[in-house]
Amino acid sequence: MKIKLLWLPMVLVAALFLASCSSSDDDVQSDSTYVYDGEGFGGAFTISINEDGSFSYYEGVLSSYIGHGKWKIKHNVLTISDGISSNKFKMRGNELVFVEEGSTNFMFVKLKDGDKFIKTDSVE
């Protein structure tokens, strides 16, 4: 009987460890910058996702506009919203994949469904 009881704590510890190692669909690599895998508006089009729930984007050097607002994730879809526009991205590894349906798109660079942003280690 004592041997069977010893297994219970070990099984619980193992289950907690495995649960903490798995990632959910709603994980995002925050405090990260993603660069558009296409032509920006005269330079790199970047989206920065911050751990505090905020984001910013910059469509390129020919634009003086820097968009900013809040982000959220639901069912593996990242939504960035600045209060006026809202854009959605499927999260796929180190990529953000634009979802045209339900997105308002951007001011200077008009993305198409499936366009990708790739995570970088440095801010552009």
PDB file of N, CA and C in Angstrom:
ATOM      1  N   MET A   1       0.822  -1.200   0.000  1.00  0.00           N
ATOM      2  CA  MET A   1       0.000   0.000   0.000  1.00  0.00           C
ATOM      3  C   MET A   1       0.863   1.259   0.000  1.00  0.00           C
ATOM      4  N   LYS A   2       1.972   1.269   0.754  1.00  0.00           N
ATOM      5  CA  LYS A   2       2.847   2.432   0.799  1.00  0.00           C
ATOM      6  C   LYS A   2       3.493   2.690  -0.556  1.00  0.00           C
ATOM      7  N   ILE A   3       3.827   1.636  -1.277  1.00  0.00           N
ATOM      8  CA  ILE A   3       4.465   1.802  -2.578  1.00  0.00           C
ATOM      9  C   ILE A   3       3.507   2.495  -3.551  1.00  0.00           C
ATOM     10  N   LYS A   4       2.244   2.112  -3.541  1.00  0.00           N
ATOM     11  CA  LYS A   4       1.258   2.730  -4.427  1.00  0.00           C
ATOM     12  C   LYS A   4       1.081   4.210  -4.103  1.00  0.00           C
ATOM     13  N   LEU A   5       1.108   4.572  -2.832  1.00  0.00           N
ATOM     14  CA  LEU A   5       0.945   5.965  -2.439  1.00  0.00           C
ATOM     15  C   LEU A   5       2.141   6.824  -2.835  1.00  0.00           C
ATOM     16  N   LEU A   6       3.325   6.232  -2.941  1.00  0.00           N
ATOM     17  CA  LEU A   6       4.505   6.978  -3.350  1.00  0.00           C
ATOM     18  C   LEU A   6       4.420   7.405  -4.818  1.00  0.00           C
ATOM     19  N   TRP A   7       3.741   6.649  -5.640  1.00  0.00           N
ATOM     20  CA  TRP A   7       3.621   6.969  -7.055  1.00  0.00           C
ATOM     21  C   TRP A   7       2.740   8.187  -7.309  1.00  0.00           C
ATOM     22  N   LEU A   8       1.749   8.390  -6.471  1.00  0.00           N
ATOM     23  CA  LEU A   8       0.813   9.490  -6.677  1.00  0.00           C
ATOM     24  C   LEU A   8       1.511  10.854  -6.700  1.00  0.00           C
ATOM     25  N   PRO A   9       2.355  11.194  -5.722  1.00  0.00           N
ATOM     26  CA  PRO A   9       3.032  12.500  -5.781  1.00  0.00           C
ATOM     27  C   PRO A   9       3.943  12.634  -7.000  1.00  0.00           C
ATOM     28  N   MET A  10       4.611  11.553  -7.394  1.00  0.00           N
ATOM     29  CA  MET A  10       5.500  11.616  -8.552  1.00  0.00           C
ATOM     30  C   MET A  10       4.707  11.829  -9.840  1.00  0.00           C
ATOM     31  N   VAL A  11       3.553  11.189  -9.940  1.00  0.00           N
ATOM     32  CA  VAL A  11       2.711  11.369 -11.117  1.00  0.00           C
ATOM     33  C   VAL A  11       2.198  12.804 -11.181  1.00  0.00           C
ATOM     34  N   LEU A  12       1.798  13.370 -10.055  1.00  0.00           N
ATOM     35  CA  LEU A  12       1.314  14.748 -10.025  1.00  0.00           C
ATOM     36  C   LEU A  12       2.408  15.737 -10.408  1.00  0.00           C
ATOM     37  N   VAL A  13       3.605  15.529  -9.898  1.00  0.00           N
ATOM     38  CA  VAL A  13       4.732  16.407 -10.229  1.00  0.00           C
ATOM     39  C   VAL A  13       5.039  16.319 -11.725  1.00  0.00           C
ATOM     40  N   ALA A  14       5.052  15.110 -12.262  1.00  0.00           N
ATOM     41  CA  ALA A  14       5.320  14.935 -13.691  1.00  0.00           C
ATOM     42  C   ALA A  14       4.243  15.613 -14.539  1.00  0.00           C
ATOM     43  N   ALA A  15       2.994  15.498 -14.147  1.00  0.00           N
ATOM     44  CA  ALA A  15       1.904  16.123 -14.890  1.00  0.00           C
ATOM     45  C   ALA A  15       2.017  17.638 -14.864  1.00  0.00           C
ATOM     46  N   LEU A  16       2.355  18.217 -13.718  1.00  0.00           N
ATOM     47  CA  LEU A  16       2.530  19.663 -13.617  1.00  0.00           C
ATOM     48  C   LEU A  16       3.711  20.144 -14.465  1.00  0.00           C
ATOM     49  N   PHE A  17       4.779  19.370 -14.461  1.00  0.00           N
ATOM     50  CA  PHE A  17       5.950  19.726 -15.261  1.00  0.00           C
ATOM     51  C   PHE A  17       5.606  19.732 -16.748  1.00  0.00           C
ATOM     52  N   LEU A  18       4.944  18.704 -17.219  1.00  0.00           N
ATOM     53  CA  LEU A  18       4.576  18.621 -18.631  1.00  0.00           C
ATOM     54  C   LEU A  18       3.614  19.740 -19.025  1.00  0.00           C
ATOM     55  N   ALA A  19       2.694  20.077 -18.158  1.00  0.00           N
ATOM     56  CA  ALA A  19       1.744  21.159 -18.454  1.00  0.00           C
ATOM     57  C   ALA A  19       2.462  22.488 -18.571  1.00  0.00           C
ATOM     58  N   SER A  20       3.491  22.702 -17.761  1.00  0.00           N
ATOM     59  CA  SER A  20       4.212  23.975 -17.820  1.00  0.00           C
ATOM     60  C   SER A  20       5.110  24.065 -19.047  1.00  0.00           C
ATOM     61  N   CYS A  21       5.484  22.926 -19.632  1.00  0.00           N
ATOM     62  CA  CYS A  21       6.351  22.925 -20.809  1.00  0.00           C
ATOM     63  C   CYS A  21       5.581  23.093 -22.106  1.00  0.00           C
ATOM     64  N   SER A  22       4.326  22.774 -22.113  1.00  0.00           N
ATOM     65  CA  SER A  22       3.570  22.852 -23.358  1.00  0.00           C
ATOM     66  C   SER A  22       3.179  24.290 -23.635  1.00  0.00           C
ATOM     67  N   SER A  23       3.006  24.592 -24.919  1.00  0.00           N
ATOM     68  CA  SER A  23       2.569  25.937 -25.278  1.00  0.00           C
ATOM     69  C   SER A  23       1.134  25.869 -25.752  1.00  0.00           C
ATOM     70  N   SER A  24       0.399  26.897 -25.461  1.00  0.00           N
ATOM     71  CA  SER A  24      -0.993  26.951 -25.881  1.00  0.00           C
ATOM     72  C   SER A  24      -1.086  27.651 -27.223  1.00  0.00           C
ATOM     73  N   ASP A  25      -2.244  27.609 -27.829  1.00  0.00           N
ATOM     74  CA  ASP A  25      -2.475  28.318 -29.082  1.00  0.00           C
ATOM     75  C   ASP A  25      -2.393  29.821 -28.880  1.00  0.00           C
ATOM     76  N   ASP A  26      -2.511  30.277 -27.659  1.00  0.00           N
ATOM     77  CA  ASP A  26      -2.564  31.703 -27.395  1.00  0.00           C
ATOM     78  C   ASP A  26      -1.235  32.274 -26.913  1.00  0.00           C
ATOM     79  N   ASP A  27      -0.125  31.627 -27.268  1.00  0.00           N
ATOM     80  CA  ASP A  27       1.192  32.143 -26.921  1.00  0.00           C
ATOM     81  C   ASP A  27       1.650  33.110 -28.006  1.00  0.00           C
ATOM     82  N   VAL A  28       2.319  34.153 -27.618  1.00  0.00           N
ATOM     83  CA  VAL A  28       2.921  35.074 -28.574  1.00  0.00           C
ATOM     84  C   VAL A  28       4.324  35.377 -28.087  1.00  0.00           C
ATOM     85  N   GLN A  29       5.220  35.588 -29.013  1.00  0.00           N
ATOM     86  CA  GLN A  29       6.581  35.943 -28.644  1.00  0.00           C
ATOM     87  C   GLN A  29       6.613  37.452 -28.457  1.00  0.00           C
ATOM     88  N   SER A  30       6.270  37.864 -27.228  1.00  0.00           N
ATOM     89  CA  SER A  30       6.190  39.295 -26.969  1.00  0.00           C
ATOM     90  C   SER A  30       7.580  39.893 -26.809  1.00  0.00           C
ATOM     91  N   ASP A  31       7.619  41.207 -26.843  1.00  0.00           N
ATOM     92  CA  ASP A  31       8.871  41.951 -26.897  1.00  0.00           C
ATOM     93  C   ASP A  31       9.696  41.467 -28.082  1.00  0.00           C
ATOM     94  N   SER A  32       9.004  41.301 -29.213  1.00  0.00           N
ATOM     95  CA  SER A  32       9.629  40.845 -30.447  1.00  0.00           C
ATOM     96  C   SER A  32       9.246  41.772 -31.593  1.00  0.00           C
ATOM     97  N   THR A  33      10.129  41.807 -32.581  1.00  0.00           N
ATOM     98  CA  THR A  33       9.870  42.580 -33.779  1.00  0.00           C
ATOM     99  C   THR A  33       9.764  41.635 -34.960  1.00  0.00           C
ATOM    100  N   TYR A  34       8.761  41.875 -35.788  1.00  0.00           N
ATOM    101  CA  TYR A  34       8.514  41.075 -36.982  1.00  0.00           C
ATOM    102  C   TYR A  34       8.663  41.987 -38.195  1.00  0.00           C
ATOM    103  N   VAL A  35       9.342  41.500 -39.234  1.00  0.00           N
ATOM    104  CA  VAL A  35       9.609  42.284 -40.439  1.00  0.00           C
ATOM    105  C   VAL A  35       8.860  41.662 -41.607  1.00  0.00           C
ATOM    106  N   TYR A  36       8.184  42.513 -42.366  1.00  0.00           N
ATOM    107  CA  TYR A  36       7.422  42.089 -43.537  1.00  0.00           C
ATOM    108  C   TYR A  36       8.346  41.453 -44.562  1.00  0.00           C
ATOM    109  N   ASP A  37       7.934  40.304 -45.074  1.00  0.00           N
ATOM    110  CA  ASP A  37       8.694  39.568 -46.078  1.00  0.00           C
ATOM    111  C   ASP A  37       8.295  40.056 -47.472  1.00  0.00           C
ATOM    112  N   GLY A  38       8.314  41.347 -47.657  1.00  0.00           N
ATOM    113  CA  GLY A  38       7.942  41.990 -48.917  1.00  0.00           C
ATOM    114  C   GLY A  38       8.465  43.408 -48.881  1.00  0.00           C
ATOM    115  N   GLU A  39       7.954  44.229 -49.755  1.00  0.00           N
ATOM    116  CA  GLU A  39       8.392  45.621 -49.832  1.00  0.00           C
ATOM    117  C   GLU A  39       7.592  46.499 -48.883  1.00  0.00           C
ATOM    118  N   GLY A  40       8.301  47.189 -48.001  1.00  0.00           N
ATOM    119  CA  GLY A  40       7.675  48.186 -47.153  1.00  0.00           C
ATOM    120  C   GLY A  40       7.532  49.490 -47.919  1.00  0.00           C
ATOM    121  N   PHE A  41       7.141  50.526 -47.235  1.00  0.00           N
ATOM    122  CA  PHE A  41       6.945  51.838 -47.859  1.00  0.00           C
ATOM    123  C   PHE A  41       8.270  52.595 -47.814  1.00  0.00           C
ATOM    124  N   GLY A  42       9.193  52.221 -48.723  1.00  0.00           N
ATOM    125  CA  GLY A  42      10.512  52.848 -48.776  1.00  0.00           C
ATOM    126  C   GLY A  42      11.479  52.287 -47.752  1.00  0.00           C
ATOM    127  N   GLY A  43      11.223  51.122 -47.211  1.00  0.00           N
ATOM    128  CA  GLY A  43      12.098  50.485 -46.224  1.00  0.00           C
ATOM    129  C   GLY A  43      11.360  49.373 -45.514  1.00  0.00           C
ATOM    130  N   ALA A  44      11.939  48.891 -44.448  1.00  0.00           N
ATOM    131  CA  ALA A  44      11.369  47.755 -43.727  1.00  0.00           C
ATOM    132  C   ALA A  44      10.043  48.117 -43.051  1.00  0.00           C
ATOM    133  N   PHE A  45       9.057  47.270 -43.233  1.00  0.00           N
ATOM    134  CA  PHE A  45       7.756  47.371 -42.566  1.00  0.00           C
ATOM    135  C   PHE A  45       7.847  46.453 -41.352  1.00  0.00           C
ATOM    136  N   THR A  46       7.796  47.036 -40.160  1.00  0.00           N
ATOM    137  CA  THR A  46       7.982  46.257 -38.936  1.00  0.00           C
ATOM    138  C   THR A  46       6.775  46.367 -38.017  1.00  0.00           C
ATOM    139  N   ILE A  47       6.552  45.282 -37.297  1.00  0.00           N
ATOM    140  CA  ILE A  47       5.542  45.254 -36.236  1.00  0.00           C
ATOM    141  C   ILE A  47       6.253  44.794 -34.970  1.00  0.00           C
ATOM    142  N   SER A  48       6.151  45.582 -33.909  1.00  0.00           N
ATOM    143  CA  SER A  48       6.748  45.227 -32.618  1.00  0.00           C
ATOM    144  C   SER A  48       5.643  44.884 -31.629  1.00  0.00           C
ATOM    145  N   ILE A  49       5.746  43.708 -31.048  1.00  0.00           N
ATOM    146  CA  ILE A  49       4.776  43.217 -30.068  1.00  0.00           C
ATOM    147  C   ILE A  49       5.427  43.312 -28.694  1.00  0.00           C
ATOM    148  N   ASN A  50       4.800  44.043 -27.789  1.00  0.00           N
ATOM    149  CA  ASN A  50       5.364  44.272 -26.460  1.00  0.00           C
ATOM    150  C   ASN A  50       4.649  43.429 -25.402  1.00  0.00           C
ATOM    151  N   GLU A  51       5.414  43.023 -24.419  1.00  0.00           N
ATOM    152  CA  GLU A  51       4.896  42.160 -23.356  1.00  0.00           C
ATOM    153  C   GLU A  51       3.746  42.806 -22.586  1.00  0.00           C
ATOM    154  N   ASP A  52       3.709  44.123 -22.530  1.00  0.00           N
ATOM    155  CA  ASP A  52       2.673  44.814 -21.747  1.00  0.00           C
ATOM    156  C   ASP A  52       1.320  44.872 -22.460  1.00  0.00           C
ATOM    157  N   GLY A  53       1.206  44.204 -23.626  1.00  0.00           N
ATOM    158  CA  GLY A  53      -0.056  44.188 -24.355  1.00  0.00           C
ATOM    159  C   GLY A  53      -0.166  45.274 -25.411  1.00  0.00           C
ATOM    160  N   SER A  54       0.896  46.054 -25.601  1.00  0.00           N
ATOM    161  CA  SER A  54       0.886  47.104 -26.621  1.00  0.00           C
ATOM    162  C   SER A  54       1.676  46.641 -27.852  1.00  0.00           C
ATOM    163  N   PHE A  55       1.487  47.336 -28.953  1.00  0.00           N
ATOM    164  CA  PHE A  55       2.240  47.068 -30.163  1.00  0.00           C
ATOM    165  C   PHE A  55       2.505  48.394 -30.865  1.00  0.00           C
ATOM    166  N   SER A  56       3.439  48.362 -31.806  1.00  0.00           N
ATOM    167  CA  SER A  56       3.642  49.493 -32.705  1.00  0.00           C
ATOM    168  C   SER A  56       4.021  48.940 -34.068  1.00  0.00           C
ATOM    169  N   TYR A  57       3.719  49.716 -35.107  1.00  0.00           N
ATOM    170  CA  TYR A  57       4.163  49.321 -36.440  1.00  0.00           C
ATOM    171  C   TYR A  57       4.631  50.546 -37.194  1.00  0.00           C
ATOM    172  N   TYR A  58       5.521  50.285 -38.138  1.00  0.00           N
ATOM    173  CA  TYR A  58       6.119  51.333 -38.947  1.00  0.00           C
ATOM    174  C   TYR A  58       6.216  50.778 -40.366  1.00  0.00           C
ATOM    175  N   GLU A  59       5.500  51.389 -41.314  1.00  0.00           N
ATOM    176  CA  GLU A  59       5.412  50.837 -42.658  1.00  0.00           C
ATOM    177  C   GLU A  59       6.643  51.089 -43.520  1.00  0.00           C
ATOM    178  N   GLY A  60       7.537  51.968 -43.105  1.00  0.00           N
ATOM    179  CA  GLY A  60       8.765  52.239 -43.847  1.00  0.00           C
ATOM    180  C   GLY A  60       9.183  53.684 -43.716  1.00  0.00           C
ATOM    181  N   VAL A  61      10.377  53.983 -44.236  1.00  0.00           N
ATOM    182  CA  VAL A  61      10.970  55.311 -44.043  1.00  0.00           C
ATOM    183  C   VAL A  61      10.241  56.424 -44.793  1.00  0.00           C
ATOM    184  N   LEU A  62       9.413  56.099 -45.780  1.00  0.00           N
ATOM    185  CA  LEU A  62       8.667  57.138 -46.488  1.00  0.00           C
ATOM    186  C   LEU A  62       7.403  57.544 -45.735  1.00  0.00           C
ATOM    187  N   SER A  63       7.136  56.900 -44.617  1.00  0.00           N
ATOM    188  CA  SER A  63       5.976  57.228 -43.797  1.00  0.00           C
ATOM    189  C   SER A  63       6.426  57.856 -42.487  1.00  0.00           C
ATOM    190  N   SER A  64       5.768  58.916 -42.095  1.00  0.00           N
ATOM    191  CA  SER A  64       6.060  59.511 -40.797  1.00  0.00           C
ATOM    192  C   SER A  64       5.129  58.951 -39.720  1.00  0.00           C
ATOM    193  N   TYR A  65       4.187  58.085 -40.128  1.00  0.00           N
ATOM    194  CA  TYR A  65       3.198  57.541 -39.199  1.00  0.00           C
ATOM    195  C   TYR A  65       3.731  56.288 -38.518  1.00  0.00           C
ATOM    196  N   ILE A  66       3.614  56.259 -37.214  1.00  0.00           N
ATOM    197  CA  ILE A  66       3.920  55.065 -36.427  1.00  0.00           C
ATOM    198  C   ILE A  66       2.636  54.666 -35.731  1.00  0.00           C
ATOM    199  N   GLY A  67       2.077  53.542 -36.146  1.00  0.00           N
ATOM    200  CA  GLY A  67       0.842  53.058 -35.535  1.00  0.00           C
ATOM    201  C   GLY A  67       1.127  52.397 -34.208  1.00  0.00           C
ATOM    202  N   HIS A  68       0.182  52.492 -33.286  1.00  0.00           N
ATOM    203  CA  HIS A  68       0.349  51.843 -31.993  1.00  0.00           C
ATOM    204  C   HIS A  68      -1.025  51.569 -31.395  1.00  0.00           C
ATOM    205  N   GLY A  69      -1.061  50.609 -30.507  1.00  0.00           N
ATOM    206  CA  GLY A  69      -2.316  50.239 -29.858  1.00  0.00           C
ATOM    207  C   GLY A  69      -2.130  48.997 -29.009  1.00  0.00           C
ATOM    208  N   LYS A  70      -3.170  48.199 -28.931  1.00  0.00           N
ATOM    209  CA  LYS A  70      -3.173  46.992 -28.090  1.00  0.00           C
ATOM    210  C   LYS A  70      -3.308  45.747 -28.954  1.00  0.00           C
ATOM    211  N   TRP A  71      -2.779  44.632 -28.454  1.00  0.00           N
ATOM    212  CA  TRP A  71      -2.925  43.363 -29.144  1.00  0.00           C
ATOM    213  C   TRP A  71      -3.617  42.366 -28.232  1.00  0.00           C
ATOM    214  N   LYS A  72      -4.238  41.357 -28.872  1.00  0.00           N
ATOM    215  CA  LYS A  72      -4.840  40.238 -28.140  1.00  0.00           C
ATOM    216  C   LYS A  72      -4.744  39.005 -29.018  1.00  0.00           C
ATOM    217  N   ILE A  73      -4.888  37.856 -28.390  1.00  0.00           N
ATOM    218  CA  ILE A  73      -4.816  36.588 -29.105  1.00  0.00           C
ATOM    219  C   ILE A  73      -6.026  35.749 -28.748  1.00  0.00           C
ATOM    220  N   LYS A  74      -6.611  35.152 -29.763  1.00  0.00           N
ATOM    221  CA  LYS A  74      -7.713  34.212 -29.560  1.00  0.00           C
ATOM    222  C   LYS A  74      -7.622  33.151 -30.650  1.00  0.00           C
ATOM    223  N   HIS A  75      -7.586  31.902 -30.225  1.00  0.00           N
ATOM    224  CA  HIS A  75      -7.527  30.768 -31.153  1.00  0.00           C
ATOM    225  C   HIS A  75      -6.372  30.892 -32.139  1.00  0.00           C
ATOM    226  N   ASN A  76      -5.202  31.224 -31.621  1.00  0.00           N
ATOM    227  CA  ASN A  76      -3.973  31.303 -32.408  1.00  0.00           C
ATOM    228  C   ASN A  76      -3.992  32.419 -33.458  1.00  0.00           C
ATOM    229  N   VAL A  77      -4.850  33.415 -33.267  1.00  0.00           N
ATOM    230  CA  VAL A  77      -4.894  34.572 -34.156  1.00  0.00           C
ATOM    231  C   VAL A  77      -4.577  35.819 -33.339  1.00  0.00           C
ATOM    232  N   LEU A  78      -3.520  36.500 -33.746  1.00  0.00           N
ATOM    233  CA  LEU A  78      -3.110  37.761 -33.117  1.00  0.00           C
ATOM    234  C   LEU A  78      -3.876  38.891 -33.786  1.00  0.00           C
ATOM    235  N   THR A  79      -4.542  39.710 -32.980  1.00  0.00           N
ATOM    236  CA  THR A  79      -5.242  40.883 -33.502  1.00  0.00           C
ATOM    237  C   THR A  79      -4.594  42.125 -32.919  1.00  0.00           C
ATOM    238  N   ILE A  80      -4.177  43.028 -33.809  1.00  0.00           N
ATOM    239  CA  ILE A  80      -3.628  44.306 -33.365  1.00  0.00           C
ATOM    240  C   ILE A  80      -4.647  45.376 -33.721  1.00  0.00           C
ATOM    241  N   SER A  81      -4.914  46.265 -32.782  1.00  0.00           N
ATOM    242  CA  SER A  81      -5.935  47.288 -33.002  1.00  0.00           C
ATOM    243  C   SER A  81      -5.466  48.616 -32.423  1.00  0.00           C
ATOM    244  N   ASP A  82      -5.638  49.678 -33.226  1.00  0.00           N
ATOM    245  CA  ASP A  82      -5.256  51.009 -32.757  1.00  0.00           C
ATOM    246  C   ASP A  82      -6.473  51.874 -32.443  1.00  0.00           C
ATOM    247  N   GLY A  83      -7.640  51.257 -32.367  1.00  0.00           N
ATOM    248  CA  GLY A  83      -8.855  51.990 -32.076  1.00  0.00           C
ATOM    249  C   GLY A  83      -9.617  52.393 -33.329  1.00  0.00           C
ATOM    250  N   ILE A  84      -8.915  52.476 -34.456  1.00  0.00           N
ATOM    251  CA  ILE A  84      -9.543  52.797 -35.734  1.00  0.00           C
ATOM    252  C   ILE A  84      -9.469  51.594 -36.670  1.00  0.00           C
ATOM    253  N   SER A  85      -8.269  51.057 -36.810  1.00  0.00           N
ATOM    254  CA  SER A  85      -8.077  49.891 -37.668  1.00  0.00           C
ATOM    255  C   SER A  85      -7.749  48.665 -36.820  1.00  0.00           C
ATOM    256  N   SER A  86      -7.974  47.517 -37.416  1.00  0.00           N
ATOM    257  CA  SER A  86      -7.733  46.251 -36.735  1.00  0.00           C
ATOM    258  C   SER A  86      -7.238  45.243 -37.765  1.00  0.00           C
ATOM    259  N   ASN A  87      -6.132  44.574 -37.462  1.00  0.00           N
ATOM    260  CA  ASN A  87      -5.549  43.611 -38.394  1.00  0.00           C
ATOM    261  C   ASN A  87      -5.248  42.309 -37.682  1.00  0.00           C
ATOM    262  N   LYS A  88      -5.438  41.200 -38.417  1.00  0.00           N
ATOM    263  CA  LYS A  88      -5.311  39.863 -37.839  1.00  0.00           C
ATOM    264  C   LYS A  88      -4.183  39.084 -38.505  1.00  0.00           C
ATOM    265  N   PHE A  89      -3.526  38.268 -37.687  1.00  0.00           N
ATOM    266  CA  PHE A  89      -2.427  37.438 -38.150  1.00  0.00           C
ATOM    267  C   PHE A  89      -2.522  36.065 -37.495  1.00  0.00           C
ATOM    268  N   LYS A  90      -2.370  35.015 -38.295  1.00  0.00           N
ATOM    269  CA  LYS A  90      -2.213  33.676 -37.736  1.00  0.00           C
ATOM    270  C   LYS A  90      -0.783  33.582 -37.245  1.00  0.00           C
ATOM    271  N   MET A  91      -0.617  32.976 -36.080  1.00  0.00           N
ATOM    272  CA  MET A  91       0.717  32.801 -35.527  1.00  0.00           C
ATOM    273  C   MET A  91       1.221  31.428 -35.951  1.00  0.00           C
ATOM    274  N   ARG A  92       2.370  31.410 -36.640  1.00  0.00           N
ATOM    275  CA  ARG A  92       2.938  30.172 -37.140  1.00  0.00           C
ATOM    276  C   ARG A  92       4.441  30.178 -36.859  1.00  0.00           C
ATOM    277  N   GLY A  93       4.831  29.588 -35.726  1.00  0.00           N
ATOM    278  CA  GLY A  93       6.249  29.583 -35.363  1.00  0.00           C
ATOM    279  C   GLY A  93       6.776  30.985 -35.190  1.00  0.00           C
ATOM    280  N   ASN A  94       7.820  31.335 -35.955  1.00  0.00           N
ATOM    281  CA  ASN A  94       8.417  32.675 -35.910  1.00  0.00           C
ATOM    282  C   ASN A  94       7.802  33.613 -36.939  1.00  0.00           C
ATOM    283  N   GLU A  95       6.616  33.269 -37.427  1.00  0.00           N
ATOM    284  CA  GLU A  95       5.974  34.091 -38.439  1.00  0.00           C
ATOM    285  C   GLU A  95       4.602  34.572 -37.994  1.00  0.00           C
ATOM    286  N   LEU A  96       4.246  35.743 -38.490  1.00  0.00           N
ATOM    287  CA  LEU A  96       2.879  36.241 -38.404  1.00  0.00           C
ATOM    288  C   LEU A  96       2.356  36.236 -39.833  1.00  0.00           C
ATOM    289  N   VAL A  97       1.243  35.554 -40.067  1.00  0.00           N
ATOM    290  CA  VAL A  97       0.686  35.419 -41.412  1.00  0.00           C
ATOM    291  C   VAL A  97      -0.603  36.233 -41.476  1.00  0.00           C
ATOM    292  N   PHE A  98      -0.635  37.216 -42.361  1.00  0.00           N
ATOM    293  CA  PHE A  98      -1.763  38.137 -42.464  1.00  0.00           C
ATOM    294  C   PHE A  98      -3.040  37.409 -42.858  1.00  0.00           C
ATOM    295  N   VAL A  99      -4.122  37.753 -42.156  1.00  0.00           N
ATOM    296  CA  VAL A  99      -5.456  37.233 -42.452  1.00  0.00           C
ATOM    297  C   VAL A  99      -6.272  38.405 -42.986  1.00  0.00           C
ATOM    298  N   GLU A 100      -6.531  38.387 -44.282  1.00  0.00           N
ATOM    299  CA  GLU A 100      -7.217  39.513 -44.914  1.00  0.00           C
ATOM    300  C   GLU A 100      -8.667  39.643 -44.447  1.00  0.00           C
ATOM    301  N   GLU A 101      -9.343  38.508 -44.289  1.00  0.00           N
ATOM    302  CA  GLU A 101     -10.746  38.541 -43.862  1.00  0.00           C
ATOM    303  C   GLU A 101     -10.850  39.080 -42.437  1.00  0.00           C
ATOM    304  N   GLY A 102     -11.608  40.131 -42.261  1.00  0.00           N
ATOM    305  CA  GLY A 102     -11.786  40.744 -40.948  1.00  0.00           C
ATOM    306  C   GLY A 102     -10.739  41.781 -40.590  1.00  0.00           C
ATOM    307  N   SER A 103      -9.777  42.029 -41.493  1.00  0.00           N
ATOM    308  CA  SER A 103      -8.739  43.032 -41.262  1.00  0.00           C
ATOM    309  C   SER A 103      -9.058  44.287 -42.065  1.00  0.00           C
ATOM    310  N   THR A 104      -8.659  45.438 -41.533  1.00  0.00           N
ATOM    311  CA  THR A 104      -8.875  46.693 -42.249  1.00  0.00           C
ATOM    312  C   THR A 104      -7.689  47.072 -43.135  1.00  0.00           C
ATOM    313  N   ASN A 105      -6.553  46.396 -42.957  1.00  0.00           N
ATOM    314  CA  ASN A 105      -5.315  46.597 -43.694  1.00  0.00           C
ATOM    315  C   ASN A 105      -4.608  47.856 -43.196  1.00  0.00           C
ATOM    316  N   PHE A 106      -3.521  48.211 -43.861  1.00  0.00           N
ATOM    317  CA  PHE A 106      -2.674  49.303 -43.397  1.00  0.00           C
ATOM    318  C   PHE A 106      -2.785  50.502 -44.331  1.00  0.00           C
ATOM    319  N   MET A 107      -2.154  51.601 -43.937  1.00  0.00           N
ATOM    320  CA  MET A 107      -2.306  52.864 -44.649  1.00  0.00           C
ATOM    321  C   MET A 107      -1.587  52.870 -46.005  1.00  0.00           C
ATOM    322  N   PHE A 108      -0.294  52.532 -46.039  1.00  0.00           N
ATOM    323  CA  PHE A 108       0.509  52.646 -47.251  1.00  0.00           C
ATOM    324  C   PHE A 108       0.800  51.305 -47.915  1.00  0.00           C
ATOM    325  N   VAL A 109       0.998  50.271 -47.123  1.00  0.00           N
ATOM    326  CA  VAL A 109       1.282  48.941 -47.657  1.00  0.00           C
ATOM    327  C   VAL A 109       0.017  48.112 -47.510  1.00  0.00           C
ATOM    328  N   LYS A 110      -0.545  47.709 -48.643  1.00  0.00           N
ATOM    329  CA  LYS A 110      -1.765  46.898 -48.631  1.00  0.00           C
ATOM    330  C   LYS A 110      -1.376  45.424 -48.702  1.00  0.00           C
ATOM    331  N   LEU A 111      -1.567  44.728 -47.584  1.00  0.00           N
ATOM    332  CA  LEU A 111      -1.202  43.315 -47.502  1.00  0.00           C
ATOM    333  C   LEU A 111      -2.276  42.450 -48.145  1.00  0.00           C
ATOM    334  N   LYS A 112      -1.838  41.275 -48.604  1.00  0.00           N
ATOM    335  CA  LYS A 112      -2.745  40.275 -49.145  1.00  0.00           C
ATOM    336  C   LYS A 112      -2.788  39.090 -48.193  1.00  0.00           C
ATOM    337  N   ASP A 113      -3.877  38.348 -48.259  1.00  0.00           N
ATOM    338  CA  ASP A 113      -4.029  37.172 -47.422  1.00  0.00           C
ATOM    339  C   ASP A 113      -2.813  36.256 -47.580  1.00  0.00           C
ATOM    340  N   GLY A 114      -2.198  35.884 -46.468  1.00  0.00           N
ATOM    341  CA  GLY A 114      -1.045  34.994 -46.494  1.00  0.00           C
ATOM    342  C   GLY A 114       0.302  35.698 -46.469  1.00  0.00           C
ATOM    343  N   ASP A 115       0.333  37.027 -46.619  1.00  0.00           N
ATOM    344  CA  ASP A 115       1.608  37.744 -46.515  1.00  0.00           C
ATOM    345  C   ASP A 115       2.211  37.512 -45.136  1.00  0.00           C
ATOM    346  N   LYS A 116       3.543  37.422 -45.078  1.00  0.00           N
ATOM    347  CA  LYS A 116       4.225  37.028 -43.844  1.00  0.00           C
ATOM    348  C   LYS A 116       5.113  38.127 -43.273  1.00  0.00           C
ATOM    349  N   PHE A 117       5.171  38.120 -41.965  1.00  0.00           N
ATOM    350  CA  PHE A 117       6.131  38.905 -41.188  1.00  0.00           C
ATOM    351  C   PHE A 117       6.987  37.885 -40.441  1.00  0.00           C
ATOM    352  N   ILE A 118       8.296  38.059 -40.445  1.00  0.00           N
ATOM    353  CA  ILE A 118       9.214  37.099 -39.839  1.00  0.00           C
ATOM    354  C   ILE A 118       9.880  37.739 -38.635  1.00  0.00           C
ATOM    355  N   LYS A 119       9.914  36.984 -37.528  1.00  0.00           N
ATOM    356  CA  LYS A 119      10.511  37.471 -36.276  1.00  0.00           C
ATOM    357  C   LYS A 119      12.005  37.699 -36.467  1.00  0.00           C
ATOM    358  N   THR A 120      12.480  38.833 -35.950  1.00  0.00           N
ATOM    359  CA  THR A 120      13.912  39.130 -35.957  1.00  0.00           C
ATOM    360  C   THR A 120      14.387  39.221 -34.520  1.00  0.00           C
ATOM    361  N   ASP A 121      15.678  39.139 -34.345  1.00  0.00           N
ATOM    362  CA  ASP A 121      16.255  39.265 -33.008  1.00  0.00           C
ATOM    363  C   ASP A 121      16.544  40.715 -32.652  1.00  0.00           C
ATOM    364  N   SER A 122      16.585  41.572 -33.653  1.00  0.00           N
ATOM    365  CA  SER A 122      16.889  42.975 -33.386  1.00  0.00           C
ATOM    366  C   SER A 122      15.783  43.849 -33.942  1.00  0.00           C
ATOM    367  N   VAL A 123      15.611  44.995 -33.332  1.00  0.00           N
ATOM    368  CA  VAL A 123      14.618  45.957 -33.795  1.00  0.00           C
ATOM    369  C   VAL A 123      15.185  46.670 -35.007  1.00  0.00           C
ATOM    370  N   GLU A 124      14.412  46.735 -36.063  1.00  0.00           N
ATOM    371  CA  GLU A 124      14.841  47.401 -37.300  1.00  0.00           C
ATOM    372  C   GLU A 124      14.524  48.869 -37.219  1.00  0.00           C
TER     373      GLU A 124
END
